[in-house]
Amino acid sequence: MADKAVPVVEKSLADVKLKELPRWLAGRDLTPNGLVRGVTGGYDWYYKKYINVKKGGIGGISMFLFGYVVISYVWSFDHIKHDRWRKYH
């Protein structure tokens, strides 16, 4: 009795199994307002978990900066690859 069935739509993404994913996505609010609420909720979660903590450290900010560096490298990889393959003579 303790394990009540939770509708797939109400589960978090981490709790959804692969076969339930299409039904979970169909239940999401994919309107522009819904997407903004999702991004805002994600930002609030990240801020509460890593930035605004009682015993804070540099972990949350360093994770954010590391992500920024990785994304910047991925975006400019074609340019870096082109420069590396160029013959200088």
N, C-alpha and C. Protein backbone atom coordinates (compact mmCIF):
# COMPACT_ATOMS: atom_id res chain seq x y z
N MET A 1 0.82 -1.18 0.00
CA MET A 1 0.00 0.00 0.00
C MET A 1 0.86 1.25 0.00
N ALA A 2 2.10 1.13 0.49
CA ALA A 2 2.98 2.29 0.57
C ALA A 2 3.47 2.71 -0.82
N ASP A 3 3.54 1.76 -1.74
CA ASP A 3 4.02 2.06 -3.10
C ASP A 3 2.85 2.38 -4.00
N LYS A 4 2.36 3.60 -3.89
CA LYS A 4 1.26 4.03 -4.74
C LYS A 4 1.81 4.37 -6.11
N ALA A 5 1.04 4.06 -7.14
CA ALA A 5 1.47 4.34 -8.50
C ALA A 5 1.39 5.84 -8.76
N VAL A 6 2.51 6.41 -9.17
CA VAL A 6 2.58 7.84 -9.49
C VAL A 6 2.44 7.98 -11.00
N PRO A 7 1.57 8.86 -11.48
CA PRO A 7 1.47 9.05 -12.93
C PRO A 7 2.82 9.47 -13.53
N VAL A 8 3.07 9.03 -14.73
CA VAL A 8 4.34 9.30 -15.39
C VAL A 8 4.57 10.79 -15.55
N VAL A 9 3.52 11.54 -15.77
CA VAL A 9 3.64 12.98 -16.00
C VAL A 9 4.15 13.70 -14.76
N GLU A 10 3.84 13.19 -13.58
CA GLU A 10 4.23 13.83 -12.33
C GLU A 10 5.63 13.45 -11.86
N LYS A 11 6.26 12.47 -12.50
CA LYS A 11 7.60 12.06 -12.11
C LYS A 11 8.63 13.07 -12.58
N SER A 12 9.76 13.09 -11.91
CA SER A 12 10.87 13.92 -12.39
C SER A 12 11.60 13.15 -13.49
N LEU A 13 12.39 13.84 -14.26
CA LEU A 13 13.08 13.21 -15.38
C LEU A 13 14.00 12.09 -14.91
N ALA A 14 14.59 12.24 -13.74
CA ALA A 14 15.50 11.21 -13.22
C ALA A 14 14.76 9.92 -12.88
N ASP A 15 13.47 9.99 -12.60
CA ASP A 15 12.71 8.80 -12.23
C ASP A 15 12.00 8.13 -13.40
N VAL A 16 12.05 8.74 -14.57
CA VAL A 16 11.35 8.21 -15.74
C VAL A 16 12.21 7.15 -16.42
N LYS A 17 11.59 6.01 -16.72
CA LYS A 17 12.29 4.95 -17.44
C LYS A 17 12.26 5.27 -18.94
N LEU A 18 13.15 4.66 -19.69
CA LEU A 18 13.30 4.96 -21.10
C LEU A 18 12.01 4.69 -21.88
N LYS A 19 11.31 3.62 -21.55
CA LYS A 19 10.07 3.32 -22.28
C LYS A 19 8.94 4.29 -21.94
N GLU A 20 9.04 4.99 -20.79
CA GLU A 20 8.02 5.95 -20.40
C GLU A 20 8.32 7.36 -20.91
N LEU A 21 9.48 7.56 -21.52
CA LEU A 21 9.91 8.89 -21.92
C LEU A 21 8.97 9.59 -22.91
N PRO A 22 8.47 8.91 -23.96
CA PRO A 22 7.54 9.62 -24.87
C PRO A 22 6.28 10.12 -24.18
N ARG A 23 5.72 9.31 -23.27
CA ARG A 23 4.52 9.73 -22.54
C ARG A 23 4.85 10.89 -21.59
N TRP A 24 6.03 10.85 -20.98
CA TRP A 24 6.44 11.94 -20.08
C TRP A 24 6.62 13.24 -20.86
N LEU A 25 7.26 13.16 -22.05
CA LEU A 25 7.46 14.35 -22.88
C LEU A 25 6.13 14.91 -23.38
N ALA A 26 5.17 14.02 -23.67
CA ALA A 26 3.87 14.48 -24.15
C ALA A 26 3.12 15.24 -23.05
N GLY A 27 3.41 14.94 -21.81
CA GLY A 27 2.74 15.62 -20.71
C GLY A 27 3.40 16.91 -20.28
N ARG A 28 4.53 17.26 -20.86
CA ARG A 28 5.24 18.50 -20.51
C ARG A 28 4.59 19.70 -21.16
N ASP A 29 4.75 20.85 -20.58
CA ASP A 29 4.24 22.10 -21.12
C ASP A 29 5.32 22.69 -22.03
N LEU A 30 5.16 22.53 -23.33
CA LEU A 30 6.18 22.97 -24.29
C LEU A 30 5.85 24.32 -24.93
N THR A 31 4.97 25.07 -24.30
CA THR A 31 4.70 26.42 -24.78
C THR A 31 5.86 27.32 -24.37
N PRO A 32 6.00 28.49 -24.99
CA PRO A 32 7.10 29.37 -24.58
C PRO A 32 7.08 29.71 -23.09
N ASN A 33 5.89 29.94 -22.53
CA ASN A 33 5.82 30.22 -21.09
C ASN A 33 6.24 29.01 -20.26
N GLY A 34 5.86 27.83 -20.69
CA GLY A 34 6.25 26.62 -19.99
C GLY A 34 7.76 26.40 -20.03
N LEU A 35 8.36 26.67 -21.18
CA LEU A 35 9.81 26.52 -21.29
C LEU A 35 10.54 27.54 -20.42
N VAL A 36 10.03 28.76 -20.36
CA VAL A 36 10.64 29.78 -19.50
C VAL A 36 10.53 29.37 -18.04
N ARG A 37 9.35 28.84 -17.64
CA ARG A 37 9.20 28.37 -16.27
C ARG A 37 10.16 27.23 -15.97
N GLY A 38 10.39 26.33 -16.93
CA GLY A 38 11.32 25.23 -16.73
C GLY A 38 12.75 25.70 -16.56
N VAL A 39 13.16 26.64 -17.39
CA VAL A 39 14.52 27.18 -17.29
C VAL A 39 14.68 27.96 -15.98
N THR A 40 13.67 28.73 -15.62
CA THR A 40 13.73 29.48 -14.37
C THR A 40 13.79 28.53 -13.17
N GLY A 41 13.01 27.47 -13.21
CA GLY A 41 13.04 26.49 -12.13
C GLY A 41 14.39 25.80 -12.03
N GLY A 42 15.00 25.50 -13.18
CA GLY A 42 16.33 24.90 -13.18
C GLY A 42 17.37 25.84 -12.62
N TYR A 43 17.27 27.11 -12.98
CA TYR A 43 18.20 28.10 -12.45
C TYR A 43 18.03 28.25 -10.95
N ASP A 44 16.78 28.31 -10.48
CA ASP A 44 16.53 28.43 -9.04
C ASP A 44 17.08 27.22 -8.28
N TRP A 45 16.90 26.02 -8.84
CA TRP A 45 17.41 24.80 -8.21
C TRP A 45 18.93 24.86 -8.11
N TYR A 46 19.59 25.23 -9.20
CA TYR A 46 21.05 25.30 -9.21
C TYR A 46 21.53 26.35 -8.21
N TYR A 47 20.88 27.50 -8.17
CA TYR A 47 21.28 28.58 -7.27
C TYR A 47 21.13 28.15 -5.81
N LYS A 48 20.01 27.51 -5.48
CA LYS A 48 19.79 27.05 -4.10
C LYS A 48 20.78 25.95 -3.71
N LYS A 49 21.08 25.06 -4.64
CA LYS A 49 21.91 23.91 -4.30
C LYS A 49 23.39 24.26 -4.24
N TYR A 50 23.90 25.11 -5.12
CA TYR A 50 25.34 25.33 -5.22
C TYR A 50 25.81 26.73 -4.86
N ILE A 51 25.00 27.75 -5.00
CA ILE A 51 25.45 29.12 -4.78
C ILE A 51 25.01 29.64 -3.42
N ASN A 52 23.72 29.57 -3.13
CA ASN A 52 23.17 30.15 -1.92
C ASN A 52 23.10 29.09 -0.82
N VAL A 53 24.24 28.73 -0.26
CA VAL A 53 24.29 27.72 0.79
C VAL A 53 24.89 28.33 2.04
N LYS A 54 24.60 27.73 3.19
CA LYS A 54 25.10 28.26 4.45
C LYS A 54 26.62 28.11 4.54
N LYS A 55 27.09 26.92 4.19
CA LYS A 55 28.53 26.67 4.26
C LYS A 55 29.03 26.59 2.82
N GLY A 56 29.18 27.72 2.23
CA GLY A 56 29.49 27.78 0.81
C GLY A 56 30.97 27.61 0.52
N GLY A 57 31.22 27.27 -0.70
CA GLY A 57 32.58 27.13 -1.17
C GLY A 57 32.65 27.60 -2.61
N ILE A 58 33.70 27.21 -3.25
CA ILE A 58 33.90 27.63 -4.62
C ILE A 58 33.36 26.60 -5.61
N GLY A 59 32.77 25.51 -5.11
CA GLY A 59 32.33 24.41 -5.95
C GLY A 59 31.31 24.79 -7.02
N GLY A 60 30.26 25.49 -6.64
CA GLY A 60 29.21 25.82 -7.60
C GLY A 60 29.67 26.76 -8.67
N ILE A 61 30.44 27.77 -8.28
CA ILE A 61 30.93 28.74 -9.27
C ILE A 61 31.96 28.11 -10.17
N SER A 62 32.83 27.26 -9.61
CA SER A 62 33.84 26.61 -10.45
C SER A 62 33.19 25.64 -11.43
N MET A 63 32.10 24.97 -11.02
CA MET A 63 31.39 24.09 -11.94
C MET A 63 30.77 24.89 -13.08
N PHE A 64 30.22 26.04 -12.77
CA PHE A 64 29.65 26.91 -13.80
C PHE A 64 30.73 27.37 -14.77
N LEU A 65 31.88 27.81 -14.25
CA LEU A 65 32.97 28.27 -15.12
C LEU A 65 33.53 27.13 -15.96
N PHE A 66 33.65 25.93 -15.40
CA PHE A 66 34.11 24.78 -16.16
C PHE A 66 33.15 24.47 -17.31
N GLY A 67 31.85 24.55 -17.05
CA GLY A 67 30.87 24.34 -18.11
C GLY A 67 30.98 25.39 -19.20
N TYR A 68 31.23 26.63 -18.80
CA TYR A 68 31.41 27.71 -19.77
C TYR A 68 32.63 27.46 -20.65
N VAL A 69 33.73 27.01 -20.05
CA VAL A 69 34.95 26.73 -20.81
C VAL A 69 34.71 25.58 -21.79
N VAL A 70 34.04 24.54 -21.35
CA VAL A 70 33.78 23.39 -22.23
C VAL A 70 32.88 23.80 -23.39
N ILE A 71 31.82 24.54 -23.13
CA ILE A 71 30.92 24.98 -24.20
C ILE A 71 31.65 25.91 -25.17
N SER A 72 32.49 26.80 -24.67
CA SER A 72 33.25 27.70 -25.55
C SER A 72 34.19 26.91 -26.44
N TYR A 73 34.83 25.88 -25.89
CA TYR A 73 35.74 25.05 -26.69
C TYR A 73 34.97 24.30 -27.76
N VAL A 74 33.82 23.75 -27.41
CA VAL A 74 33.02 23.00 -28.39
C VAL A 74 32.58 23.92 -29.52
N TRP A 75 32.15 25.14 -29.18
CA TRP A 75 31.70 26.07 -30.22
C TRP A 75 32.83 26.49 -31.15
N SER A 76 34.05 26.60 -30.65
CA SER A 76 35.16 27.08 -31.48
C SER A 76 36.05 25.95 -31.95
N PHE A 77 35.65 24.69 -31.81
CA PHE A 77 36.51 23.57 -32.17
C PHE A 77 36.83 23.54 -33.65
N ASP A 78 35.86 23.85 -34.50
CA ASP A 78 36.12 23.83 -35.94
C ASP A 78 37.20 24.84 -36.30
N HIS A 79 37.17 26.00 -35.70
CA HIS A 79 38.19 27.01 -35.96
C HIS A 79 39.56 26.55 -35.46
N ILE A 80 39.60 25.95 -34.29
CA ILE A 80 40.87 25.44 -33.74
C ILE A 80 41.41 24.33 -34.63
N LYS A 81 40.54 23.43 -35.07
CA LYS A 81 40.95 22.32 -35.92
C LYS A 81 41.49 22.84 -37.25
N HIS A 82 40.84 23.86 -37.81
CA HIS A 82 41.29 24.44 -39.07
C HIS A 82 42.69 25.05 -38.92
N ASP A 83 42.91 25.76 -37.84
CA ASP A 83 44.23 26.35 -37.60
C ASP A 83 45.30 25.28 -37.41
N ARG A 84 44.95 24.19 -36.80
CA ARG A 84 45.92 23.13 -36.54
C ARG A 84 46.31 22.43 -37.85
N TRP A 85 45.38 22.27 -38.78
CA TRP A 85 45.67 21.58 -40.02
C TRP A 85 46.31 22.47 -41.06
N ARG A 86 46.35 23.77 -40.84
CA ARG A 86 46.90 24.69 -41.82
C ARG A 86 48.41 24.51 -41.90
N LYS A 87 48.95 24.54 -43.11
CA LYS A 87 50.41 24.42 -43.29
C LYS A 87 51.00 25.81 -43.29
N TYR A 88 52.00 26.00 -42.49
CA TYR A 88 52.70 27.28 -42.44
C TYR A 88 54.01 27.14 -43.20
N HIS A 89 54.21 27.96 -44.25
CA HIS A 89 55.47 27.93 -45.01
C HIS A 89 55.75 29.25 -45.65
